[in-house]
């Protein structure tokens, strides 16, 4: 038995959602180890994978007045837009490599299947394709920055 890329990506997503720090699978013809907090220096504003959920629902965000209005404003501003989210934890890239053109820019028209970006996870470069048609309104992540599972990447105006 061996694993294909899709199975590995699904396993990465599962590990990211589960909140565990490490999963190792060993069969006679392959071995895979997934560590979610292997490089903590790349995690900028968060702690291990399970924490963003806790932060989003923690009473501390209600006690701090600044974040609560920001979340409300974002929800109001984006209500007519579709949010494209990251399907995995990794590093967000806007282009195929240094010096290459960006896959998309603000104002670009996109269609289903159009490559929007790359999310690199464990040295695997995963092209993220659009599941919607419309126009890119905002790019929510800076190039070469870490992203979490389900983190908003783009806002798309479907009209």
C-alpha atoms as a PDB file:
ATOM      1  CA  UNK A   1       0.000   0.000   0.000  1.00  0.00           C
ATOM      2  CA  UNK A   2       1.270   3.481  -0.804  1.00  0.00           C
ATOM      3  CA  UNK A   3      -0.328   6.896  -0.431  1.00  0.00           C
ATOM      4  CA  UNK A   4      -1.040   9.267  -3.291  1.00  0.00           C
ATOM      5  CA  UNK A   5      -0.773  13.065  -3.039  1.00  0.00           C
ATOM      6  CA  UNK A   6      -4.533  13.484  -2.386  1.00  0.00           C
ATOM      7  CA  UNK A   7      -4.431  11.031   0.527  1.00  0.00           C
ATOM      8  CA  UNK A   8      -1.406  12.832   1.986  1.00  0.00           C
ATOM      9  CA  UNK A   9      -3.159  16.210   1.644  1.00  0.00           C
ATOM     10  CA  UNK A  10      -6.276  14.785   3.330  1.00  0.00           C
ATOM     11  CA  UNK A  11      -4.106  13.416   6.134  1.00  0.00           C
ATOM     12  CA  UNK A  12      -2.444  16.834   6.578  1.00  0.00           C
ATOM     13  CA  UNK A  13      -5.896  18.468   6.796  1.00  0.00           C
ATOM     14  CA  UNK A  14      -7.066  15.869   9.315  1.00  0.00           C
ATOM     15  CA  UNK A  15      -3.964  16.335  11.503  1.00  0.00           C
ATOM     16  CA  UNK A  16      -4.365  20.133  11.313  1.00  0.00           C
ATOM     17  CA  UNK A  17      -8.008  19.950  12.421  1.00  0.00           C
ATOM     18  CA  UNK A  18      -7.419  17.358  15.144  1.00  0.00           C
ATOM     19  CA  UNK A  19      -4.997  19.511  17.127  1.00  0.00           C
ATOM     20  CA  UNK A  20      -2.427  16.753  17.613  1.00  0.00           C
ATOM     21  CA  UNK A  21       1.239  17.690  17.304  1.00  0.00           C
ATOM     22  CA  UNK A  22       2.552  14.656  15.428  1.00  0.00           C
ATOM     23  CA  UNK A  23       1.295  11.648  13.491  1.00  0.00           C
ATOM     24  CA  UNK A  24       3.541   8.891  12.145  1.00  0.00           C
ATOM     25  CA  UNK A  25       2.416   6.099   9.811  1.00  0.00           C
ATOM     26  CA  UNK A  26       4.773   3.315   8.834  1.00  0.00           C
ATOM     27  CA  UNK A  27       4.026   0.544   6.384  1.00  0.00           C
ATOM     28  CA  UNK A  28       6.532  -1.831   4.829  1.00  0.00           C
ATOM     29  CA  UNK A  29       6.906   0.225   1.617  1.00  0.00           C
ATOM     30  CA  UNK A  30       6.578   3.782   3.002  1.00  0.00           C
ATOM     31  CA  UNK A  31       6.776   5.942   6.107  1.00  0.00           C
ATOM     32  CA  UNK A  32       5.185   9.366   6.687  1.00  0.00           C
ATOM     33  CA  UNK A  33       5.467  11.664   9.692  1.00  0.00           C
ATOM     34  CA  UNK A  34       3.444  14.870  10.022  1.00  0.00           C
ATOM     35  CA  UNK A  35       4.461  17.397  12.690  1.00  0.00           C
ATOM     36  CA  UNK A  36       2.229  20.455  13.037  1.00  0.00           C
ATOM     37  CA  UNK A  37       4.527  22.542  15.238  1.00  0.00           C
ATOM     38  CA  UNK A  38       7.840  21.526  13.717  1.00  0.00           C
ATOM     39  CA  UNK A  39       8.857  25.108  12.830  1.00  0.00           C
ATOM     40  CA  UNK A  40       7.340  27.427  15.450  1.00  0.00           C
ATOM     41  CA  UNK A  41       9.354  30.401  14.142  1.00  0.00           C
ATOM     42  CA  UNK A  42       7.017  30.550  11.122  1.00  0.00           C
ATOM     43  CA  UNK A  43       3.922  30.896  13.298  1.00  0.00           C
ATOM     44  CA  UNK A  44       3.492  34.645  13.606  1.00  0.00           C
ATOM     45  CA  UNK A  45       0.284  35.532  15.442  1.00  0.00           C
ATOM     46  CA  UNK A  46      -0.914  32.155  16.597  1.00  0.00           C
ATOM     47  CA  UNK A  47       0.080  29.160  18.682  1.00  0.00           C
ATOM     48  CA  UNK A  48      -0.288  25.448  17.686  1.00  0.00           C
ATOM     49  CA  UNK A  49      -3.019  24.383  15.271  1.00  0.00           C
ATOM     50  CA  UNK A  50      -5.885  23.994  17.785  1.00  0.00           C
ATOM     51  CA  UNK A  51      -5.342  27.439  19.322  1.00  0.00           C
ATOM     52  CA  UNK A  52      -6.922  29.678  16.626  1.00  0.00           C
ATOM     53  CA  UNK A  53     -10.289  28.033  17.338  1.00  0.00           C
ATOM     54  CA  UNK A  54      -9.838  28.697  21.048  1.00  0.00           C
ATOM     55  CA  UNK A  55      -8.722  32.272  20.402  1.00  0.00           C
ATOM     56  CA  UNK A  56     -11.703  32.960  18.161  1.00  0.00           C
ATOM     57  CA  UNK A  57     -14.167  31.777  20.809  1.00  0.00           C
ATOM     58  CA  UNK A  58     -12.268  32.793  23.942  1.00  0.00           C
ATOM     59  CA  UNK A  59     -13.855  35.297  26.322  1.00  0.00           C
ATOM     60  CA  UNK A  60     -10.654  37.378  26.050  1.00  0.00           C
ATOM     61  CA  UNK A  61     -11.702  38.581  22.591  1.00  0.00           C
ATOM     62  CA  UNK A  62     -14.987  39.824  24.059  1.00  0.00           C
ATOM     63  CA  UNK A  63     -13.146  41.547  26.918  1.00  0.00           C
ATOM     64  CA  UNK A  64     -10.839  43.377  24.493  1.00  0.00           C
ATOM     65  CA  UNK A  65     -12.922  46.012  22.710  1.00  0.00           C
ATOM     66  CA  UNK A  66     -10.685  46.505  19.643  1.00  0.00           C
ATOM     67  CA  UNK A  67     -10.843  42.995  18.079  1.00  0.00           C
ATOM     68  CA  UNK A  68     -14.613  42.616  18.446  1.00  0.00           C
ATOM     69  CA  UNK A  69     -15.542  45.636  16.264  1.00  0.00           C
ATOM     70  CA  UNK A  70     -12.911  44.662  13.706  1.00  0.00           C
ATOM     71  CA  UNK A  71     -14.512  41.224  13.346  1.00  0.00           C
ATOM     72  CA  UNK A  72     -17.947  42.838  12.984  1.00  0.00           C
ATOM     73  CA  UNK A  73     -16.730  45.302  10.337  1.00  0.00           C
ATOM     74  CA  UNK A  74     -15.067  42.486   8.388  1.00  0.00           C
ATOM     75  CA  UNK A  75     -18.280  40.441   8.445  1.00  0.00           C
ATOM     76  CA  UNK A  76     -20.327  43.414   7.194  1.00  0.00           C
ATOM     77  CA  UNK A  77     -17.832  44.379   4.470  1.00  0.00           C
ATOM     78  CA  UNK A  78     -17.468  40.844   3.136  1.00  0.00           C
ATOM     79  CA  UNK A  79     -21.100  39.710   3.327  1.00  0.00           C
ATOM     80  CA  UNK A  80     -21.626  40.079  -0.445  1.00  0.00           C
ATOM     81  CA  UNK A  81     -18.294  38.441  -1.257  1.00  0.00           C
ATOM     82  CA  UNK A  82     -17.226  34.796  -1.341  1.00  0.00           C
ATOM     83  CA  UNK A  83     -14.237  33.980   0.847  1.00  0.00           C
ATOM     84  CA  UNK A  84     -11.685  31.540  -0.587  1.00  0.00           C
ATOM     85  CA  UNK A  85     -10.060  29.744   2.348  1.00  0.00           C
ATOM     86  CA  UNK A  86      -6.884  27.729   2.726  1.00  0.00           C
ATOM     87  CA  UNK A  87      -7.514  23.972   2.537  1.00  0.00           C
ATOM     88  CA  UNK A  88      -4.402  23.266   4.649  1.00  0.00           C
ATOM     89  CA  UNK A  89      -1.690  24.615   6.912  1.00  0.00           C
ATOM     90  CA  UNK A  90       1.358  25.808   5.017  1.00  0.00           C
ATOM     91  CA  UNK A  91       3.094  28.764   3.410  1.00  0.00           C
ATOM     92  CA  UNK A  92       1.112  30.959   1.000  1.00  0.00           C
ATOM     93  CA  UNK A  93       2.716  31.918  -2.318  1.00  0.00           C
ATOM     94  CA  UNK A  94       1.146  34.248  -4.906  1.00  0.00           C
ATOM     95  CA  UNK A  95       3.366  33.027  -7.777  1.00  0.00           C
ATOM     96  CA  UNK A  96       5.059  29.859  -9.007  1.00  0.00           C
ATOM     97  CA  UNK A  97       8.463  31.198  -7.938  1.00  0.00           C
ATOM     98  CA  UNK A  98      10.618  34.284  -7.429  1.00  0.00           C
ATOM     99  CA  UNK A  99      10.398  36.615 -10.405  1.00  0.00           C
ATOM    100  CA  UNK A 100       7.370  34.777 -11.833  1.00  0.00           C
ATOM    101  CA  UNK A 101       4.064  36.628 -12.359  1.00  0.00           C
ATOM    102  CA  UNK A 102       1.384  36.357  -9.649  1.00  0.00           C
ATOM    103  CA  UNK A 103      -1.360  33.815 -10.326  1.00  0.00           C
ATOM    104  CA  UNK A 104      -4.006  36.503  -9.612  1.00  0.00           C
ATOM    105  CA  UNK A 105      -4.147  40.180  -8.656  1.00  0.00           C
ATOM    106  CA  UNK A 106      -6.915  42.387  -7.267  1.00  0.00           C
ATOM    107  CA  UNK A 107      -9.366  43.105 -10.076  1.00  0.00           C
ATOM    108  CA  UNK A 108      -8.655  39.894 -12.017  1.00  0.00           C
ATOM    109  CA  UNK A 109     -11.605  37.891 -13.321  1.00  0.00           C
ATOM    110  CA  UNK A 110     -11.404  34.233 -12.267  1.00  0.00           C
ATOM    111  CA  UNK A 111     -13.322  31.106 -13.163  1.00  0.00           C
ATOM    112  CA  UNK A 112     -13.725  27.673 -11.619  1.00  0.00           C
ATOM    113  CA  UNK A 113     -10.452  25.740 -11.874  1.00  0.00           C
ATOM    114  CA  UNK A 114      -8.195  28.841 -12.137  1.00  0.00           C
ATOM    115  CA  UNK A 115      -5.056  28.509 -10.002  1.00  0.00           C
ATOM    116  CA  UNK A 116      -5.162  31.272  -7.369  1.00  0.00           C
ATOM    117  CA  UNK A 117      -2.024  30.541  -5.347  1.00  0.00           C
ATOM    118  CA  UNK A 118       0.242  27.829  -3.981  1.00  0.00           C
ATOM    119  CA  UNK A 119       0.233  26.565  -0.400  1.00  0.00           C
ATOM    120  CA  UNK A 120       3.457  24.743   0.409  1.00  0.00           C
ATOM    121  CA  UNK A 121       3.118  22.093   3.102  1.00  0.00           C
ATOM    122  CA  UNK A 122       5.947  19.734   4.021  1.00  0.00           C
ATOM    123  CA  UNK A 123       7.891  20.535   0.830  1.00  0.00           C
ATOM    124  CA  UNK A 124       4.823  19.760  -1.311  1.00  0.00           C
ATOM    125  CA  UNK A 125       3.652  22.678  -3.467  1.00  0.00           C
ATOM    126  CA  UNK A 126      -0.151  22.501  -3.703  1.00  0.00           C
ATOM    127  CA  UNK A 127      -1.885  24.614  -6.360  1.00  0.00           C
ATOM    128  CA  UNK A 128      -5.092  26.041  -4.913  1.00  0.00           C
ATOM    129  CA  UNK A 129      -7.758  26.266  -7.601  1.00  0.00           C
ATOM    130  CA  UNK A 130     -10.848  28.459  -7.491  1.00  0.00           C
ATOM    131  CA  UNK A 131     -14.167  26.790  -6.824  1.00  0.00           C
ATOM    132  CA  UNK A 132     -16.046  29.963  -7.800  1.00  0.00           C
ATOM    133  CA  UNK A 133     -16.190  32.473 -10.649  1.00  0.00           C
ATOM    134  CA  UNK A 134     -15.994  36.215 -10.134  1.00  0.00           C
ATOM    135  CA  UNK A 135     -13.534  39.046  -9.570  1.00  0.00           C
ATOM    136  CA  UNK A 136     -10.722  39.148  -6.981  1.00  0.00           C
ATOM    137  CA  UNK A 137     -11.640  41.980  -4.576  1.00  0.00           C
ATOM    138  CA  UNK A 138      -8.965  41.540  -1.937  1.00  0.00           C
ATOM    139  CA  UNK A 139      -5.946  39.344  -1.230  1.00  0.00           C
ATOM    140  CA  UNK A 140      -5.929  38.714   2.525  1.00  0.00           C
ATOM    141  CA  UNK A 141      -2.469  37.138   2.983  1.00  0.00           C
ATOM    142  CA  UNK A 142       0.971  38.499   2.154  1.00  0.00           C
ATOM    143  CA  UNK A 143       3.245  36.453  -0.103  1.00  0.00           C
ATOM    144  CA  UNK A 144       5.433  33.821   1.633  1.00  0.00           C
ATOM    145  CA  UNK A 145       3.476  34.062   4.907  1.00  0.00           C
ATOM    146  CA  UNK A 146       2.221  31.078   6.920  1.00  0.00           C
ATOM    147  CA  UNK A 147      -1.479  30.214   6.725  1.00  0.00           C
ATOM    148  CA  UNK A 148      -3.679  28.066   8.919  1.00  0.00           C
ATOM    149  CA  UNK A 149      -6.295  25.544   7.822  1.00  0.00           C
ATOM    150  CA  UNK A 150      -9.509  27.376   6.795  1.00  0.00           C
ATOM    151  CA  UNK A 151      -7.819  30.812   6.934  1.00  0.00           C
ATOM    152  CA  UNK A 152      -9.356  33.304   4.466  1.00  0.00           C
ATOM    153  CA  UNK A 153      -7.026  33.933   1.498  1.00  0.00           C
ATOM    154  CA  UNK A 154      -9.086  35.894  -1.050  1.00  0.00           C
ATOM    155  CA  UNK A 155     -12.370  37.776  -1.293  1.00  0.00           C
ATOM    156  CA  UNK A 156     -14.202  37.202  -4.581  1.00  0.00           C
ATOM    157  CA  UNK A 157     -17.129  39.243  -5.910  1.00  0.00           C
ATOM    158  CA  UNK A 158     -19.338  36.637  -7.609  1.00  0.00           C
ATOM    159  CA  UNK A 159     -21.417  39.212  -9.560  1.00  0.00           C
END
